[in-house]
Amino acid sequence: MFCKHCGREIDDKAIVCPYCGVQVANVQPQQSGTNVIAIVGFIFAFIMPIVGLICSIIGRNKAYEYGGNGRGLATAGLVISIIWLLIAVISGIAVGCAVADAISQGTYY
């Protein structure tokens, strides 16, 4: 890329021309603050894993808007939600098998 002010060749990623000091690219400020969705996803991962999973996915995708803030928390929410959901599925299968076994043997009350 070439500087629009002095005409010298500069790096394509340059924001300011190193020769004349003129700004050659717009700087987009990163939004600072708290990634609330990542926090909500982490909390709900323990209470309601499906809601926690959804909020953690959204929070992780929005982390770049907050300068990476909340990415780790959202990732933890994802992992915890998945573990809780797997435990729930395995427990449901175990209970279903136990009930089916009891019904097939006629030992239910």
N, C-alpha and C. Protein backbone atom coordinates (compact mmCIF):
# COMPACT_ATOMS: atom_id res chain seq x y z
N MET A 1 0.86 -1.17 0.00
CA MET A 1 0.00 0.00 0.00
C MET A 1 0.91 1.23 0.00
N PHE A 2 0.38 2.32 -0.52
CA PHE A 2 1.13 3.56 -0.58
C PHE A 2 0.44 4.62 0.27
N CYS A 3 1.23 5.46 0.92
CA CYS A 3 0.70 6.55 1.75
C CYS A 3 0.04 7.57 0.83
N LYS A 4 -1.15 8.00 1.20
CA LYS A 4 -1.89 8.97 0.39
C LYS A 4 -1.31 10.38 0.54
N HIS A 5 -0.50 10.59 1.57
CA HIS A 5 0.06 11.92 1.82
C HIS A 5 1.43 12.10 1.17
N CYS A 6 2.37 11.16 1.43
CA CYS A 6 3.74 11.32 0.91
C CYS A 6 4.03 10.41 -0.28
N GLY A 7 3.20 9.39 -0.54
CA GLY A 7 3.36 8.53 -1.69
C GLY A 7 4.33 7.38 -1.52
N ARG A 8 4.94 7.24 -0.36
CA ARG A 8 5.90 6.16 -0.14
C ARG A 8 5.16 4.84 0.13
N GLU A 9 5.86 3.75 -0.18
CA GLU A 9 5.28 2.43 0.06
C GLU A 9 5.39 2.09 1.54
N ILE A 10 4.26 1.63 2.11
CA ILE A 10 4.22 1.26 3.53
C ILE A 10 3.55 -0.09 3.67
N ASP A 11 3.68 -0.66 4.86
CA ASP A 11 3.08 -1.97 5.16
C ASP A 11 1.56 -1.89 5.03
N ASP A 12 0.95 -2.96 4.54
CA ASP A 12 -0.51 -2.99 4.36
C ASP A 12 -1.26 -2.89 5.68
N LYS A 13 -0.63 -3.30 6.77
CA LYS A 13 -1.29 -3.28 8.07
C LYS A 13 -1.03 -1.99 8.85
N ALA A 14 -0.30 -1.06 8.25
CA ALA A 14 0.06 0.18 8.93
C ALA A 14 -1.17 1.05 9.19
N ILE A 15 -1.18 1.67 10.33
CA ILE A 15 -2.25 2.60 10.68
C ILE A 15 -1.77 4.03 10.47
N VAL A 16 -0.46 4.24 10.72
CA VAL A 16 0.16 5.55 10.55
C VAL A 16 1.38 5.37 9.64
N CYS A 17 1.58 6.29 8.73
CA CYS A 17 2.74 6.24 7.84
C CYS A 17 4.01 6.47 8.67
N PRO A 18 4.98 5.55 8.59
CA PRO A 18 6.20 5.73 9.38
C PRO A 18 7.10 6.85 8.86
N TYR A 19 6.84 7.35 7.64
CA TYR A 19 7.68 8.39 7.05
C TYR A 19 7.15 9.80 7.34
N CYS A 20 5.84 10.00 7.16
CA CYS A 20 5.30 11.35 7.35
C CYS A 20 4.40 11.47 8.57
N GLY A 21 3.99 10.34 9.17
CA GLY A 21 3.20 10.38 10.40
C GLY A 21 1.70 10.59 10.20
N VAL A 22 1.23 10.58 8.98
CA VAL A 22 -0.19 10.77 8.70
C VAL A 22 -0.93 9.45 8.90
N GLN A 23 -2.12 9.53 9.48
CA GLN A 23 -2.94 8.33 9.69
C GLN A 23 -3.44 7.85 8.33
N VAL A 24 -3.20 6.56 8.04
CA VAL A 24 -3.59 6.00 6.75
C VAL A 24 -4.72 4.99 6.85
N ALA A 25 -5.08 4.60 8.06
CA ALA A 25 -6.17 3.63 8.25
C ALA A 25 -6.98 4.05 9.46
N ASN A 26 -8.23 3.67 9.42
CA ASN A 26 -9.12 3.96 10.55
C ASN A 26 -8.92 2.92 11.65
N VAL A 27 -8.91 3.39 12.86
CA VAL A 27 -8.78 2.49 14.00
C VAL A 27 -10.16 2.32 14.61
N GLN A 28 -10.60 1.06 14.70
CA GLN A 28 -11.90 0.79 15.30
C GLN A 28 -11.69 0.44 16.76
N PRO A 29 -12.18 1.28 17.66
CA PRO A 29 -11.98 0.99 19.08
C PRO A 29 -12.75 -0.25 19.51
N GLN A 30 -12.10 -1.05 20.35
CA GLN A 30 -12.77 -2.23 20.86
C GLN A 30 -13.70 -1.83 21.99
N GLN A 31 -14.82 -2.48 22.04
CA GLN A 31 -15.80 -2.21 23.06
C GLN A 31 -15.30 -2.80 24.37
N SER A 32 -15.22 -1.97 25.37
CA SER A 32 -14.80 -2.50 26.66
C SER A 32 -16.03 -2.70 27.53
N GLY A 33 -15.91 -3.54 28.49
CA GLY A 33 -17.02 -3.82 29.37
C GLY A 33 -17.05 -5.28 29.74
N THR A 34 -18.17 -5.67 30.25
CA THR A 34 -18.32 -7.03 30.73
C THR A 34 -19.20 -7.82 29.78
N ASN A 35 -18.75 -9.01 29.47
CA ASN A 35 -19.51 -9.91 28.61
C ASN A 35 -20.53 -10.64 29.50
N VAL A 36 -21.68 -10.01 29.69
CA VAL A 36 -22.70 -10.51 30.60
C VAL A 36 -23.23 -11.87 30.16
N ILE A 37 -23.34 -12.08 28.88
CA ILE A 37 -23.87 -13.36 28.38
C ILE A 37 -22.96 -14.52 28.77
N ALA A 38 -21.64 -14.28 28.75
CA ALA A 38 -20.70 -15.32 29.17
C ALA A 38 -20.88 -15.66 30.65
N ILE A 39 -21.11 -14.64 31.46
CA ILE A 39 -21.33 -14.85 32.90
C ILE A 39 -22.62 -15.62 33.13
N VAL A 40 -23.68 -15.22 32.43
CA VAL A 40 -24.97 -15.90 32.55
C VAL A 40 -24.84 -17.37 32.11
N GLY A 41 -24.10 -17.60 31.02
CA GLY A 41 -23.90 -18.96 30.54
C GLY A 41 -23.18 -19.82 31.56
N PHE A 42 -22.18 -19.25 32.22
CA PHE A 42 -21.43 -19.99 33.23
C PHE A 42 -22.32 -20.33 34.42
N ILE A 43 -23.11 -19.37 34.89
CA ILE A 43 -23.99 -19.61 36.04
C ILE A 43 -25.06 -20.65 35.71
N PHE A 44 -25.70 -20.49 34.55
CA PHE A 44 -26.77 -21.42 34.17
C PHE A 44 -26.24 -22.81 33.82
N ALA A 45 -24.95 -22.94 33.59
CA ALA A 45 -24.37 -24.25 33.32
C ALA A 45 -24.61 -25.20 34.49
N PHE A 46 -24.65 -24.65 35.70
CA PHE A 46 -24.87 -25.46 36.90
C PHE A 46 -26.36 -25.67 37.18
N ILE A 47 -27.20 -24.70 36.82
CA ILE A 47 -28.62 -24.74 37.18
C ILE A 47 -29.46 -25.40 36.09
N MET A 48 -29.34 -24.89 34.88
CA MET A 48 -30.08 -25.41 33.72
C MET A 48 -29.10 -25.54 32.56
N PRO A 49 -28.51 -26.73 32.40
CA PRO A 49 -27.41 -26.90 31.44
C PRO A 49 -27.72 -26.52 30.00
N ILE A 50 -28.94 -26.71 29.55
CA ILE A 50 -29.26 -26.36 28.16
C ILE A 50 -29.20 -24.85 27.97
N VAL A 51 -29.77 -24.10 28.91
CA VAL A 51 -29.71 -22.64 28.85
C VAL A 51 -28.26 -22.18 28.98
N GLY A 52 -27.51 -22.82 29.88
CA GLY A 52 -26.10 -22.49 30.05
C GLY A 52 -25.30 -22.75 28.78
N LEU A 53 -25.61 -23.83 28.10
CA LEU A 53 -24.92 -24.17 26.86
C LEU A 53 -25.18 -23.11 25.79
N ILE A 54 -26.43 -22.74 25.63
CA ILE A 54 -26.79 -21.74 24.62
C ILE A 54 -26.16 -20.38 24.93
N CYS A 55 -26.28 -19.94 26.18
CA CYS A 55 -25.70 -18.64 26.56
C CYS A 55 -24.18 -18.65 26.47
N SER A 56 -23.56 -19.77 26.80
CA SER A 56 -22.10 -19.85 26.71
C SER A 56 -21.63 -19.80 25.26
N ILE A 57 -22.36 -20.42 24.36
CA ILE A 57 -22.01 -20.35 22.94
C ILE A 57 -22.13 -18.91 22.44
N ILE A 58 -23.21 -18.25 22.79
CA ILE A 58 -23.39 -16.85 22.38
C ILE A 58 -22.32 -15.97 23.01
N GLY A 59 -22.06 -16.16 24.31
CA GLY A 59 -21.06 -15.37 25.00
C GLY A 59 -19.66 -15.57 24.43
N ARG A 60 -19.35 -16.79 24.02
CA ARG A 60 -18.03 -17.07 23.45
C ARG A 60 -17.90 -16.41 22.07
N ASN A 61 -18.98 -16.41 21.31
CA ASN A 61 -18.95 -15.77 19.99
C ASN A 61 -18.88 -14.25 20.10
N LYS A 62 -19.43 -13.68 21.18
CA LYS A 62 -19.42 -12.23 21.35
C LYS A 62 -18.17 -11.73 22.08
N ALA A 63 -17.31 -12.63 22.51
CA ALA A 63 -16.13 -12.24 23.29
C ALA A 63 -15.22 -11.29 22.52
N TYR A 64 -15.13 -11.45 21.20
CA TYR A 64 -14.26 -10.57 20.41
C TYR A 64 -14.74 -9.12 20.48
N GLU A 65 -16.03 -8.90 20.66
CA GLU A 65 -16.57 -7.54 20.76
C GLU A 65 -16.12 -6.86 22.06
N TYR A 66 -15.76 -7.66 23.04
CA TYR A 66 -15.35 -7.14 24.33
C TYR A 66 -13.85 -7.31 24.54
N GLY A 67 -13.09 -7.40 23.48
CA GLY A 67 -11.66 -7.53 23.57
C GLY A 67 -11.22 -8.87 24.16
N GLY A 68 -12.02 -9.90 23.97
CA GLY A 68 -11.70 -11.23 24.50
C GLY A 68 -12.23 -11.45 25.90
N ASN A 69 -12.84 -10.43 26.48
CA ASN A 69 -13.38 -10.52 27.84
C ASN A 69 -14.51 -11.55 27.90
N GLY A 70 -14.38 -12.52 28.79
CA GLY A 70 -15.42 -13.51 29.00
C GLY A 70 -15.25 -14.78 28.19
N ARG A 71 -14.24 -14.85 27.35
CA ARG A 71 -14.05 -16.04 26.51
C ARG A 71 -13.77 -17.28 27.36
N GLY A 72 -12.92 -17.14 28.35
CA GLY A 72 -12.60 -18.28 29.22
C GLY A 72 -13.80 -18.72 30.04
N LEU A 73 -14.56 -17.75 30.54
CA LEU A 73 -15.75 -18.06 31.33
C LEU A 73 -16.80 -18.77 30.47
N ALA A 74 -16.96 -18.30 29.24
CA ALA A 74 -17.92 -18.94 28.33
C ALA A 74 -17.47 -20.35 27.98
N THR A 75 -16.17 -20.55 27.79
CA THR A 75 -15.64 -21.88 27.50
C THR A 75 -15.88 -22.82 28.68
N ALA A 76 -15.65 -22.32 29.89
CA ALA A 76 -15.93 -23.13 31.08
C ALA A 76 -17.41 -23.47 31.17
N GLY A 77 -18.27 -22.52 30.86
CA GLY A 77 -19.71 -22.77 30.84
C GLY A 77 -20.09 -23.84 29.83
N LEU A 78 -19.44 -23.81 28.66
CA LEU A 78 -19.68 -24.84 27.65
C LEU A 78 -19.31 -26.23 28.17
N VAL A 79 -18.13 -26.33 28.74
CA VAL A 79 -17.65 -27.63 29.22
C VAL A 79 -18.55 -28.16 30.34
N ILE A 80 -18.87 -27.31 31.29
CA ILE A 80 -19.71 -27.73 32.42
C ILE A 80 -21.10 -28.13 31.93
N SER A 81 -21.68 -27.36 31.02
CA SER A 81 -23.00 -27.69 30.48
C SER A 81 -22.99 -29.05 29.79
N ILE A 82 -21.97 -29.29 28.99
CA ILE A 82 -21.88 -30.56 28.27
C ILE A 82 -21.74 -31.72 29.24
N ILE A 83 -20.91 -31.54 30.28
CA ILE A 83 -20.75 -32.61 31.28
C ILE A 83 -22.07 -32.89 31.98
N TRP A 84 -22.78 -31.85 32.41
CA TRP A 84 -24.07 -32.05 33.09
C TRP A 84 -25.09 -32.72 32.17
N LEU A 85 -25.10 -32.32 30.90
CA LEU A 85 -26.04 -32.94 29.96
C LEU A 85 -25.71 -34.41 29.74
N LEU A 86 -24.43 -34.75 29.65
CA LEU A 86 -24.04 -36.16 29.51
C LEU A 86 -24.44 -36.97 30.74
N ILE A 87 -24.24 -36.39 31.92
CA ILE A 87 -24.65 -37.07 33.16
C ILE A 87 -26.16 -37.31 33.15
N ALA A 88 -26.93 -36.30 32.73
CA ALA A 88 -28.38 -36.44 32.69
C ALA A 88 -28.81 -37.52 31.70
N VAL A 89 -28.18 -37.57 30.54
CA VAL A 89 -28.54 -38.58 29.53
C VAL A 89 -28.19 -39.98 30.03
N ILE A 90 -26.99 -40.14 30.60
CA ILE A 90 -26.58 -41.45 31.12
C ILE A 90 -27.50 -41.89 32.26
N SER A 91 -27.85 -40.97 33.15
CA SER A 91 -28.77 -41.29 34.25
C SER A 91 -30.14 -41.68 33.73
N GLY A 92 -30.62 -40.95 32.73
CA GLY A 92 -31.92 -41.28 32.14
C GLY A 92 -31.93 -42.65 31.50
N ILE A 93 -30.86 -42.98 30.82
CA ILE A 93 -30.76 -44.31 30.20
C ILE A 93 -30.73 -45.40 31.27
N ALA A 94 -29.97 -45.16 32.35
CA ALA A 94 -29.86 -46.15 33.43
C ALA A 94 -31.21 -46.37 34.10
N VAL A 95 -31.92 -45.28 34.38
CA VAL A 95 -33.24 -45.41 35.01
C VAL A 95 -34.21 -46.09 34.05
N GLY A 96 -34.18 -45.73 32.78
CA GLY A 96 -35.05 -46.36 31.80
C GLY A 96 -34.80 -47.85 31.68
N CYS A 97 -33.54 -48.25 31.71
CA CYS A 97 -33.20 -49.68 31.65
C CYS A 97 -33.68 -50.40 32.91
N ALA A 98 -33.53 -49.77 34.07
CA ALA A 98 -33.97 -50.39 35.32
C ALA A 98 -35.48 -50.56 35.33
N VAL A 99 -36.21 -49.56 34.86
CA VAL A 99 -37.67 -49.65 34.81
C VAL A 99 -38.10 -50.72 33.81
N ALA A 100 -37.47 -50.75 32.66
CA ALA A 100 -37.81 -51.77 31.65
C ALA A 100 -37.52 -53.17 32.17
N ASP A 101 -36.43 -53.32 32.89
CA ASP A 101 -36.09 -54.62 33.47
C ASP A 101 -37.12 -55.03 34.52
N ALA A 102 -37.52 -54.07 35.37
CA ALA A 102 -38.51 -54.37 36.40
C ALA A 102 -39.84 -54.75 35.79
N ILE A 103 -40.23 -54.06 34.73
CA ILE A 103 -41.50 -54.37 34.07
C ILE A 103 -41.43 -55.74 33.40
N SER A 104 -40.31 -56.04 32.77
CA SER A 104 -40.22 -57.34 32.08
C SER A 104 -40.19 -58.52 33.04
N GLN A 105 -39.72 -58.29 34.27
CA GLN A 105 -39.69 -59.37 35.25
C GLN A 105 -40.92 -59.36 36.16
N GLY A 106 -41.76 -58.36 36.00
CA GLY A 106 -42.98 -58.28 36.79
C GLY A 106 -42.74 -57.93 38.25
N THR A 107 -41.64 -57.23 38.54
CA THR A 107 -41.33 -56.89 39.93
C THR A 107 -41.63 -55.44 40.26
N TYR A 108 -42.44 -54.80 39.48
CA TYR A 108 -42.79 -53.42 39.75
C TYR A 108 -44.04 -53.36 40.62
N TYR A 109 -44.23 -52.26 41.30
CA TYR A 109 -45.40 -52.14 42.19
C TYR A 109 -46.22 -50.96 41.81
